[in-house]
Amino acid sequence: MMVVPPLLNVHHLDLQALLFKLTMKNNAKSAMKPPLDWNLVIKLWQNFTSSQCLIMKIPEYFKVVNIVTTQVIGLVENEKCFSTLAFMKSKLRNKLVNHQEF
């Protein structure tokens, strides 16, 4: 029988917690500076990924971010959007509106 290792190591998360908190506190204000074209959390973590030293010091937190920021395929919201788009582009919808020239 194959045993799957846990995705995260809780002990390592505890050991890395202080450095994680300090890093977040020291970088939060810089992430909120314009331009605000990205989600603030994503912008913050993109800055962190440029630091190999930080990746080596808090790897468990980088695993958490990868898990949290990964969008699961097949979410209900995505399915609703595709259904709505398909209806809007269908021939049936085009027949529902009476097009008149002015």
PDB file of N, CA and C in Angstrom:
ATOM      1  N   MET A   1       0.840  -1.177   0.000  1.00  0.00           N
ATOM      2  CA  MET A   1       0.000   0.000   0.000  1.00  0.00           C
ATOM      3  C   MET A   1       0.889   1.246   0.000  1.00  0.00           C
ATOM      4  N   MET A   2       0.543   2.197  -0.857  1.00  0.00           N
ATOM      5  CA  MET A   2       1.330   3.421  -0.981  1.00  0.00           C
ATOM      6  C   MET A   2       0.800   4.474  -0.004  1.00  0.00           C
ATOM      7  N   VAL A   3       1.680   5.086   0.746  1.00  0.00           N
ATOM      8  CA  VAL A   3       1.312   6.131   1.701  1.00  0.00           C
ATOM      9  C   VAL A   3       1.649   7.483   1.085  1.00  0.00           C
ATOM     10  N   VAL A   4       0.667   8.350   1.037  1.00  0.00           N
ATOM     11  CA  VAL A   4       0.870   9.684   0.482  1.00  0.00           C
ATOM     12  C   VAL A   4       1.300  10.608   1.610  1.00  0.00           C
ATOM     13  N   PRO A   5       2.426  11.287   1.436  1.00  0.00           N
ATOM     14  CA  PRO A   5       2.875  12.202   2.499  1.00  0.00           C
ATOM     15  C   PRO A   5       1.945  13.407   2.600  1.00  0.00           C
ATOM     16  N   PRO A   6       1.875  14.025   3.766  1.00  0.00           N
ATOM     17  CA  PRO A   6       1.024  15.217   3.906  1.00  0.00           C
ATOM     18  C   PRO A   6       1.518  16.349   3.011  1.00  0.00           C
ATOM     19  N   LEU A   7       0.569  17.142   2.565  1.00  0.00           N
ATOM     20  CA  LEU A   7       0.893  18.243   1.666  1.00  0.00           C
ATOM     21  C   LEU A   7       1.740  19.313   2.354  1.00  0.00           C
ATOM     22  N   LEU A   8       1.422  19.580   3.617  1.00  0.00           N
ATOM     23  CA  LEU A   8       2.155  20.586   4.390  1.00  0.00           C
ATOM     24  C   LEU A   8       2.669  19.980   5.682  1.00  0.00           C
ATOM     25  N   ASN A   9       3.798  20.487   6.136  1.00  0.00           N
ATOM     26  CA  ASN A   9       4.372  20.054   7.398  1.00  0.00           C
ATOM     27  C   ASN A   9       4.049  21.118   8.457  1.00  0.00           C
ATOM     28  N   VAL A  10       3.159  20.776   9.375  1.00  0.00           N
ATOM     29  CA  VAL A  10       2.698  21.721  10.392  1.00  0.00           C
ATOM     30  C   VAL A  10       3.851  22.191  11.278  1.00  0.00           C
ATOM     31  N   HIS A  11       4.756  21.293  11.591  1.00  0.00           N
ATOM     32  CA  HIS A  11       5.907  21.664  12.427  1.00  0.00           C
ATOM     33  C   HIS A  11       6.756  22.726  11.725  1.00  0.00           C
ATOM     34  N   HIS A  12       6.988  22.546  10.435  1.00  0.00           N
ATOM     35  CA  HIS A  12       7.770  23.538   9.684  1.00  0.00           C
ATOM     36  C   HIS A  12       7.023  24.869   9.582  1.00  0.00           C
ATOM     37  N   LEU A  13       5.691  24.816   9.434  1.00  0.00           N
ATOM     38  CA  LEU A  13       4.915  26.058   9.413  1.00  0.00           C
ATOM     39  C   LEU A  13       5.089  26.821  10.724  1.00  0.00           C
ATOM     40  N   ASP A  14       5.056  26.106  11.834  1.00  0.00           N
ATOM     41  CA  ASP A  14       5.252  26.754  13.137  1.00  0.00           C
ATOM     42  C   ASP A  14       6.636  27.378  13.257  1.00  0.00           C
ATOM     43  N   LEU A  15       7.651  26.669  12.780  1.00  0.00           N
ATOM     44  CA  LEU A  15       9.020  27.189  12.860  1.00  0.00           C
ATOM     45  C   LEU A  15       9.217  28.425  11.971  1.00  0.00           C
ATOM     46  N   GLN A  16       8.504  28.472  10.862  1.00  0.00           N
ATOM     47  CA  GLN A  16       8.676  29.559   9.900  1.00  0.00           C
ATOM     48  C   GLN A  16       7.703  30.722  10.138  1.00  0.00           C
ATOM     49  N   ALA A  17       6.816  30.581  11.117  1.00  0.00           N
ATOM     50  CA  ALA A  17       5.751  31.567  11.335  1.00  0.00           C
ATOM     51  C   ALA A  17       6.275  32.964  11.642  1.00  0.00           C
ATOM     52  N   LEU A  18       7.259  33.082  12.505  1.00  0.00           N
ATOM     53  CA  LEU A  18       7.774  34.397  12.885  1.00  0.00           C
ATOM     54  C   LEU A  18       8.363  35.136  11.686  1.00  0.00           C
ATOM     55  N   LEU A  19       9.177  34.463  10.908  1.00  0.00           N
ATOM     56  CA  LEU A  19       9.764  35.100   9.725  1.00  0.00           C
ATOM     57  C   LEU A  19       8.675  35.463   8.719  1.00  0.00           C
ATOM     58  N   PHE A  20       7.673  34.612   8.577  1.00  0.00           N
ATOM     59  CA  PHE A  20       6.551  34.909   7.683  1.00  0.00           C
ATOM     60  C   PHE A  20       5.830  36.180   8.121  1.00  0.00           C
ATOM     61  N   LYS A  21       5.526  36.294   9.412  1.00  0.00           N
ATOM     62  CA  LYS A  21       4.826  37.470   9.929  1.00  0.00           C
ATOM     63  C   LYS A  21       5.633  38.737   9.716  1.00  0.00           C
ATOM     64  N   LEU A  22       6.936  38.679  10.008  1.00  0.00           N
ATOM     65  CA  LEU A  22       7.791  39.853   9.809  1.00  0.00           C
ATOM     66  C   LEU A  22       7.870  40.251   8.340  1.00  0.00           C
ATOM     67  N   THR A  23       7.976  39.268   7.483  1.00  0.00           N
ATOM     68  CA  THR A  23       8.055  39.535   6.041  1.00  0.00           C
ATOM     69  C   THR A  23       6.781  40.194   5.544  1.00  0.00           C
ATOM     70  N   MET A  24       5.639  39.660   5.968  1.00  0.00           N
ATOM     71  CA  MET A  24       4.365  40.239   5.535  1.00  0.00           C
ATOM     72  C   MET A  24       4.200  41.666   6.061  1.00  0.00           C
ATOM     73  N   LYS A  25       4.534  41.876   7.305  1.00  0.00           N
ATOM     74  CA  LYS A  25       4.387  43.199   7.904  1.00  0.00           C
ATOM     75  C   LYS A  25       5.282  44.228   7.219  1.00  0.00           C
ATOM     76  N   ASN A  26       6.506  43.839   6.917  1.00  0.00           N
ATOM     77  CA  ASN A  26       7.459  44.772   6.311  1.00  0.00           C
ATOM     78  C   ASN A  26       7.169  45.070   4.839  1.00  0.00           C
ATOM     79  N   ASN A  27       6.431  44.202   4.177  1.00  0.00           N
ATOM     80  CA  ASN A  27       6.199  44.384   2.743  1.00  0.00           C
ATOM     81  C   ASN A  27       4.772  44.762   2.381  1.00  0.00           C
ATOM     82  N   ALA A  28       3.876  44.803   3.334  1.00  0.00           N
ATOM     83  CA  ALA A  28       2.465  45.075   3.045  1.00  0.00           C
ATOM     84  C   ALA A  28       2.262  46.461   2.426  1.00  0.00           C
ATOM     85  N   LYS A  29       2.906  47.467   2.966  1.00  0.00           N
ATOM     86  CA  LYS A  29       2.710  48.834   2.453  1.00  0.00           C
ATOM     87  C   LYS A  29       3.221  48.982   1.022  1.00  0.00           C
ATOM     88  N   SER A  30       4.330  48.348   0.710  1.00  0.00           N
ATOM     89  CA  SER A  30       4.854  48.455  -0.656  1.00  0.00           C
ATOM     90  C   SER A  30       3.946  47.771  -1.669  1.00  0.00           C
ATOM     91  N   ALA A  31       3.237  46.740  -1.249  1.00  0.00           N
ATOM     92  CA  ALA A  31       2.315  46.050  -2.160  1.00  0.00           C
ATOM     93  C   ALA A  31       1.087  46.900  -2.461  1.00  0.00           C
ATOM     94  N   MET A  32       0.747  47.821  -1.564  1.00  0.00           N
ATOM     95  CA  MET A  32      -0.447  48.649  -1.746  1.00  0.00           C
ATOM     96  C   MET A  32      -0.176  49.927  -2.524  1.00  0.00           C
ATOM     97  N   LYS A  33       1.044  50.119  -2.972  1.00  0.00           N
ATOM     98  CA  LYS A  33       1.368  51.317  -3.755  1.00  0.00           C
ATOM     99  C   LYS A  33       0.889  51.136  -5.189  1.00  0.00           C
ATOM    100  N   PRO A  34       0.464  52.232  -5.821  1.00  0.00           N
ATOM    101  CA  PRO A  34       0.037  52.154  -7.227  1.00  0.00           C
ATOM    102  C   PRO A  34       1.189  51.702  -8.115  1.00  0.00           C
ATOM    103  N   PRO A  35       0.943  51.095  -9.225  1.00  0.00           N
ATOM    104  CA  PRO A  35      -0.373  50.812  -9.793  1.00  0.00           C
ATOM    105  C   PRO A  35      -1.003  49.595  -9.125  1.00  0.00           C
ATOM    106  N   LEU A  36      -2.304  49.644  -8.929  1.00  0.00           N
ATOM    107  CA  LEU A  36      -3.037  48.559  -8.286  1.00  0.00           C
ATOM    108  C   LEU A  36      -3.743  47.696  -9.345  1.00  0.00           C
ATOM    109  N   ASP A  37      -2.984  47.287 -10.334  1.00  0.00           N
ATOM    110  CA  ASP A  37      -3.554  46.503 -11.425  1.00  0.00           C
ATOM    111  C   ASP A  37      -3.632  45.007 -11.107  1.00  0.00           C
ATOM    112  N   TRP A  38      -3.035  44.583 -10.005  1.00  0.00           N
ATOM    113  CA  TRP A  38      -3.065  43.181  -9.595  1.00  0.00           C
ATOM    114  C   TRP A  38      -3.761  43.067  -8.250  1.00  0.00           C
ATOM    115  N   ASN A  39      -4.218  41.886  -7.945  1.00  0.00           N
ATOM    116  CA  ASN A  39      -4.705  41.583  -6.605  1.00  0.00           C
ATOM    117  C   ASN A  39      -3.534  41.821  -5.655  1.00  0.00           C
ATOM    118  N   LEU A  40      -3.778  42.465  -4.516  1.00  0.00           N
ATOM    119  CA  LEU A  40      -2.694  42.829  -3.606  1.00  0.00           C
ATOM    120  C   LEU A  40      -1.928  41.623  -3.092  1.00  0.00           C
ATOM    121  N   VAL A  41      -2.629  40.531  -2.815  1.00  0.00           N
ATOM    122  CA  VAL A  41      -1.953  39.331  -2.320  1.00  0.00           C
ATOM    123  C   VAL A  41      -1.041  38.756  -3.395  1.00  0.00           C
ATOM    124  N   ILE A  42      -1.525  38.703  -4.614  1.00  0.00           N
ATOM    125  CA  ILE A  42      -0.704  38.175  -5.710  1.00  0.00           C
ATOM    126  C   ILE A  42       0.497  39.084  -5.951  1.00  0.00           C
ATOM    127  N   LYS A  43       0.267  40.387  -5.922  1.00  0.00           N
ATOM    128  CA  LYS A  43       1.364  41.345  -6.110  1.00  0.00           C
ATOM    129  C   LYS A  43       2.430  41.166  -5.031  1.00  0.00           C
ATOM    130  N   LEU A  44       1.991  41.007  -3.792  1.00  0.00           N
ATOM    131  CA  LEU A  44       2.909  40.810  -2.678  1.00  0.00           C
ATOM    132  C   LEU A  44       3.734  39.540  -2.862  1.00  0.00           C
ATOM    133  N   TRP A  45       3.066  38.445  -3.195  1.00  0.00           N
ATOM    134  CA  TRP A  45       3.787  37.174  -3.342  1.00  0.00           C
ATOM    135  C   TRP A  45       4.659  37.127  -4.583  1.00  0.00           C
ATOM    136  N   GLN A  46       4.315  37.882  -5.613  1.00  0.00           N
ATOM    137  CA  GLN A  46       5.207  37.957  -6.774  1.00  0.00           C
ATOM    138  C   GLN A  46       6.509  38.640  -6.390  1.00  0.00           C
ATOM    139  N   ASN A  47       6.435  39.635  -5.528  1.00  0.00           N
ATOM    140  CA  ASN A  47       7.659  40.276  -5.036  1.00  0.00           C
ATOM    141  C   ASN A  47       8.499  39.289  -4.232  1.00  0.00           C
ATOM    142  N   PHE A  48       7.836  38.450  -3.444  1.00  0.00           N
ATOM    143  CA  PHE A  48       8.557  37.481  -2.617  1.00  0.00           C
ATOM    144  C   PHE A  48       9.241  36.406  -3.455  1.00  0.00           C
ATOM    145  N   THR A  49       8.621  36.002  -4.541  1.00  0.00           N
ATOM    146  CA  THR A  49       9.197  34.917  -5.338  1.00  0.00           C
ATOM    147  C   THR A  49      10.494  35.315  -6.016  1.00  0.00           C
ATOM    148  N   SER A  50      10.777  36.596  -6.071  1.00  0.00           N
ATOM    149  CA  SER A  50      12.046  37.026  -6.652  1.00  0.00           C
ATOM    150  C   SER A  50      13.211  36.840  -5.672  1.00  0.00           C
ATOM    151  N   SER A  51      12.902  36.541  -4.428  1.00  0.00           N
ATOM    152  CA  SER A  51      13.932  36.350  -3.412  1.00  0.00           C
ATOM    153  C   SER A  51      14.150  34.858  -3.141  1.00  0.00           C
ATOM    154  N   GLN A  52      15.220  34.310  -3.686  1.00  0.00           N
ATOM    155  CA  GLN A  52      15.540  32.894  -3.460  1.00  0.00           C
ATOM    156  C   GLN A  52      15.821  32.615  -1.983  1.00  0.00           C
ATOM    157  N   CYS A  53      16.399  33.580  -1.308  1.00  0.00           N
ATOM    158  CA  CYS A  53      16.682  33.432   0.122  1.00  0.00           C
ATOM    159  C   CYS A  53      15.382  33.250   0.908  1.00  0.00           C
ATOM    160  N   LEU A  54      14.396  34.055   0.592  1.00  0.00           N
ATOM    161  CA  LEU A  54      13.109  33.953   1.280  1.00  0.00           C
ATOM    162  C   LEU A  54      12.421  32.629   0.959  1.00  0.00           C
ATOM    163  N   ILE A  55      12.496  32.192  -0.271  1.00  0.00           N
ATOM    164  CA  ILE A  55      11.908  30.904  -0.664  1.00  0.00           C
ATOM    165  C   ILE A  55      12.542  29.769   0.132  1.00  0.00           C
ATOM    166  N   MET A  56      13.830  29.857   0.367  1.00  0.00           N
ATOM    167  CA  MET A  56      14.514  28.811   1.123  1.00  0.00           C
ATOM    168  C   MET A  56      14.191  28.870   2.617  1.00  0.00           C
ATOM    169  N   LYS A  57      13.885  30.071   3.126  1.00  0.00           N
ATOM    170  CA  LYS A  57      13.647  30.219   4.569  1.00  0.00           C
ATOM    171  C   LYS A  57      12.208  29.916   4.978  1.00  0.00           C
ATOM    172  N   ILE A  58      11.247  30.152   4.091  1.00  0.00           N
ATOM    173  CA  ILE A  58       9.845  29.860   4.438  1.00  0.00           C
ATOM    174  C   ILE A  58       9.157  29.043   3.326  1.00  0.00           C
ATOM    175  N   PRO A  59       9.701  27.888   2.994  1.00  0.00           N
ATOM    176  CA  PRO A  59       9.134  27.110   1.877  1.00  0.00           C
ATOM    177  C   PRO A  59       7.711  26.605   2.134  1.00  0.00           C
ATOM    178  N   GLU A  60       7.369  26.332   3.380  1.00  0.00           N
ATOM    179  CA  GLU A  60       6.016  25.832   3.664  1.00  0.00           C
ATOM    180  C   GLU A  60       4.975  26.900   3.353  1.00  0.00           C
ATOM    181  N   TYR A  61       5.294  28.155   3.595  1.00  0.00           N
ATOM    182  CA  TYR A  61       4.349  29.227   3.302  1.00  0.00           C
ATOM    183  C   TYR A  61       4.210  29.442   1.802  1.00  0.00           C
ATOM    184  N   PHE A  62       5.256  29.197   1.050  1.00  0.00           N
ATOM    185  CA  PHE A  62       5.142  29.260  -0.407  1.00  0.00           C
ATOM    186  C   PHE A  62       4.261  28.124  -0.923  1.00  0.00           C
ATOM    187  N   LYS A  63       4.301  26.978  -0.256  1.00  0.00           N
ATOM    188  CA  LYS A  63       3.392  25.887  -0.614  1.00  0.00           C
ATOM    189  C   LYS A  63       1.945  26.289  -0.358  1.00  0.00           C
ATOM    190  N   VAL A  64       1.703  26.947   0.779  1.00  0.00           N
ATOM    191  CA  VAL A  64       0.350  27.402   1.110  1.00  0.00           C
ATOM    192  C   VAL A  64      -0.155  28.369   0.039  1.00  0.00           C
ATOM    193  N   VAL A  65       0.687  29.309  -0.362  1.00  0.00           N
ATOM    194  CA  VAL A  65       0.291  30.284  -1.375  1.00  0.00           C
ATOM    195  C   VAL A  65      -0.021  29.592  -2.693  1.00  0.00           C
ATOM    196  N   ASN A  66       0.786  28.621  -3.077  1.00  0.00           N
ATOM    197  CA  ASN A  66       0.519  27.892  -4.317  1.00  0.00           C
ATOM    198  C   ASN A  66      -0.815  27.163  -4.253  1.00  0.00           C
ATOM    199  N   ILE A  67      -1.134  26.623  -3.102  1.00  0.00           N
ATOM    200  CA  ILE A  67      -2.410  25.921  -2.937  1.00  0.00           C
ATOM    201  C   ILE A  67      -3.571  26.909  -3.007  1.00  0.00           C
ATOM    202  N   VAL A  68      -3.439  28.022  -2.301  1.00  0.00           N
ATOM    203  CA  VAL A  68      -4.531  28.994  -2.196  1.00  0.00           C
ATOM    204  C   VAL A  68      -4.768  29.725  -3.512  1.00  0.00           C
ATOM    205  N   THR A  69      -3.723  30.048  -4.235  1.00  0.00           N
ATOM    206  CA  THR A  69      -3.882  30.844  -5.450  1.00  0.00           C
ATOM    207  C   THR A  69      -4.152  30.014  -6.694  1.00  0.00           C
ATOM    208  N   THR A  70      -4.208  28.715  -6.551  1.00  0.00           N
ATOM    209  CA  THR A  70      -4.518  27.862  -7.689  1.00  0.00           C
ATOM    210  C   THR A  70      -6.029  27.780  -7.839  1.00  0.00           C
ATOM    211  N   GLN A  71      -6.506  28.107  -9.032  1.00  0.00           N
ATOM    212  CA  GLN A  71      -7.947  28.056  -9.270  1.00  0.00           C
ATOM    213  C   GLN A  71      -8.327  26.658  -9.716  1.00  0.00           C
ATOM    214  N   VAL A  72      -9.297  26.099  -9.061  1.00  0.00           N
ATOM    215  CA  VAL A  72      -9.751  24.759  -9.395  1.00  0.00           C
ATOM    216  C   VAL A  72     -10.616  24.817 -10.641  1.00  0.00           C
ATOM    217  N   ILE A  73     -10.306  23.953 -11.598  1.00  0.00           N
ATOM    218  CA  ILE A  73     -11.089  23.892 -12.826  1.00  0.00           C
ATOM    219  C   ILE A  73     -12.432  23.258 -12.505  1.00  0.00           C
ATOM    220  N   GLY A  74     -13.485  23.847 -13.012  1.00  0.00           N
ATOM    221  CA  GLY A  74     -14.808  23.289 -12.814  1.00  0.00           C
ATOM    222  C   GLY A  74     -15.580  23.923 -11.678  1.00  0.00           C
ATOM    223  N   LEU A  75     -15.171  25.088 -11.234  1.00  0.00           N
ATOM    224  CA  LEU A  75     -15.927  25.780 -10.203  1.00  0.00           C
ATOM    225  C   LEU A  75     -17.306  26.147 -10.737  1.00  0.00           C
ATOM    226  N   VAL A  76     -18.274  26.205  -9.866  1.00  0.00           N
ATOM    227  CA  VAL A  76     -19.647  26.518 -10.256  1.00  0.00           C
ATOM    228  C   VAL A  76     -19.723  27.869 -10.958  1.00  0.00           C
ATOM    229  N   GLU A  77     -18.982  28.867 -10.434  1.00  0.00           N
ATOM    230  CA  GLU A  77     -19.010  30.194 -11.043  1.00  0.00           C
ATOM    231  C   GLU A  77     -18.516  30.150 -12.487  1.00  0.00           C
ATOM    232  N   ASN A  78     -17.474  29.376 -12.725  1.00  0.00           N
ATOM    233  CA  ASN A  78     -16.956  29.269 -14.088  1.00  0.00           C
ATOM    234  C   ASN A  78     -17.975  28.614 -15.002  1.00  0.00           C
ATOM    235  N   GLU A  79     -18.621  27.560 -14.510  1.00  0.00           N
ATOM    236  CA  GLU A  79     -19.625  26.871 -15.312  1.00  0.00           C
ATOM    237  C   GLU A  79     -20.786  27.796 -15.646  1.00  0.00           C
ATOM    238  N   LYS A  80     -21.210  28.621 -14.687  1.00  0.00           N
ATOM    239  CA  LYS A  80     -22.308  29.564 -14.934  1.00  0.00           C
ATOM    240  C   LYS A  80     -21.910  30.588 -15.992  1.00  0.00           C
ATOM    241  N   CYS A  81     -20.675  31.066 -15.920  1.00  0.00           N
ATOM    242  CA  CYS A  81     -20.201  32.047 -16.904  1.00  0.00           C
ATOM    243  C   CYS A  81     -20.177  31.451 -18.303  1.00  0.00           C
ATOM    244  N   PHE A  82     -19.683  30.228 -18.426  1.00  0.00           N
ATOM    245  CA  PHE A  82     -19.643  29.586 -19.740  1.00  0.00           C
ATOM    246  C   PHE A  82     -21.050  29.330 -20.264  1.00  0.00           C
ATOM    247  N   SER A  83     -21.984  28.931 -19.401  1.00  0.00           N
ATOM    248  CA  SER A  83     -23.367  28.697 -19.821  1.00  0.00           C
ATOM    249  C   SER A  83     -24.006  29.992 -20.305  1.00  0.00           C
ATOM    250  N   THR A  84     -23.781  31.077 -19.566  1.00  0.00           N
ATOM    251  CA  THR A  84     -24.334  32.369 -19.953  1.00  0.00           C
ATOM    252  C   THR A  84     -23.745  32.824 -21.279  1.00  0.00           C
ATOM    253  N   LEU A  85     -22.454  32.665 -21.441  1.00  0.00           N
ATOM    254  CA  LEU A  85     -21.801  33.053 -22.686  1.00  0.00           C
ATOM    255  C   LEU A  85     -22.325  32.220 -23.849  1.00  0.00           C
ATOM    256  N   ALA A  86     -22.487  30.933 -23.634  1.00  0.00           N
ATOM    257  CA  ALA A  86     -23.001  30.063 -24.688  1.00  0.00           C
ATOM    258  C   ALA A  86     -24.413  30.482 -25.089  1.00  0.00           C
ATOM    259  N   PHE A  87     -25.250  30.842 -24.098  1.00  0.00           N
ATOM    260  CA  PHE A  87     -26.607  31.292 -24.407  1.00  0.00           C
ATOM    261  C   PHE A  87     -26.571  32.600 -25.185  1.00  0.00           C
ATOM    262  N   MET A  88     -25.709  33.534 -24.760  1.00  0.00           N
ATOM    263  CA  MET A  88     -25.639  34.830 -25.427  1.00  0.00           C
ATOM    264  C   MET A  88     -25.182  34.703 -26.870  1.00  0.00           C
ATOM    265  N   LYS A  89     -24.385  33.716 -27.158  1.00  0.00           N
ATOM    266  CA  LYS A  89     -23.878  33.535 -28.508  1.00  0.00           C
ATOM    267  C   LYS A  89     -24.728  32.575 -29.342  1.00  0.00           C
ATOM    268  N   SER A  90     -25.777  32.032 -28.750  1.00  0.00           N
ATOM    269  CA  SER A  90     -26.576  31.025 -29.462  1.00  0.00           C
ATOM    270  C   SER A  90     -27.537  31.672 -30.456  1.00  0.00           C
ATOM    271  N   LYS A  91     -28.002  30.866 -31.395  1.00  0.00           N
ATOM    272  CA  LYS A  91     -28.974  31.332 -32.377  1.00  0.00           C
ATOM    273  C   LYS A  91     -30.318  31.578 -31.719  1.00  0.00           C
ATOM    274  N   LEU A  92     -30.656  30.814 -30.676  1.00  0.00           N
ATOM    275  CA  LEU A  92     -31.919  30.984 -29.965  1.00  0.00           C
ATOM    276  C   LEU A  92     -32.017  32.385 -29.379  1.00  0.00           C
ATOM    277  N   ARG A  93     -30.967  32.875 -28.777  1.00  0.00           N
ATOM    278  CA  ARG A  93     -31.008  34.203 -28.176  1.00  0.00           C
ATOM    279  C   ARG A  93     -31.177  35.263 -29.245  1.00  0.00           C
ATOM    280  N   ASN A  94     -30.516  35.096 -30.365  1.00  0.00           N
ATOM    281  CA  ASN A  94     -30.639  36.073 -31.442  1.00  0.00           C
ATOM    282  C   ASN A  94     -32.061  36.154 -31.966  1.00  0.00           C
ATOM    283  N   LYS A  95     -32.832  35.069 -31.866  1.00  0.00           N
ATOM    284  CA  LYS A  95     -34.218  35.062 -32.318  1.00  0.00           C
ATOM    285  C   LYS A  95     -35.155  35.714 -31.304  1.00  0.00           C
ATOM    286  N   LEU A  96     -34.728  35.889 -30.064  1.00  0.00           N
ATOM    287  CA  LEU A  96     -35.578  36.447 -29.025  1.00  0.00           C
ATOM    288  C   LEU A  96     -35.774  37.955 -29.174  1.00  0.00           C
ATOM    289  N   VAL A  97     -34.872  38.638 -29.805  1.00  0.00           N
ATOM    290  CA  VAL A  97     -34.934  40.093 -29.935  1.00  0.00           C
ATOM    291  C   VAL A  97     -35.426  40.441 -31.325  1.00  0.00           C
ATOM    292  N   ASN A  98     -36.374  41.354 -31.389  1.00  0.00           N
ATOM    293  CA  ASN A  98     -36.896  41.812 -32.666  1.00  0.00           C
ATOM    294  C   ASN A  98     -36.037  42.983 -33.140  1.00  0.00           C
ATOM    295  N   HIS A  99     -35.251  42.777 -34.169  1.00  0.00           N
ATOM    296  CA  HIS A  99     -34.364  43.821 -34.678  1.00  0.00           C
ATOM    297  C   HIS A  99     -35.149  44.720 -35.627  1.00  0.00           C
ATOM    298  N   GLN A 100     -35.208  45.982 -35.319  1.00  0.00           N
ATOM    299  CA  GLN A 100     -35.902  46.933 -36.174  1.00  0.00           C
ATOM    300  C   GLN A 100     -34.931  48.023 -36.617  1.00  0.00           C
ATOM    301  N   GLU A 101     -35.047  48.437 -37.814  1.00  0.00           N
ATOM    302  CA  GLU A 101     -34.203  49.519 -38.299  1.00  0.00           C
ATOM    303  C   GLU A 101     -34.893  50.846 -38.017  1.00  0.00           C
ATOM    304  N   PHE A 102     -34.152  51.811 -37.583  1.00  0.00           N
ATOM    305  CA  PHE A 102     -34.721  53.128 -37.271  1.00  0.00           C
ATOM    306  C   PHE A 102     -34.490  54.079 -38.386  1.00  0.00           C
TER     307      PHE A 102
END
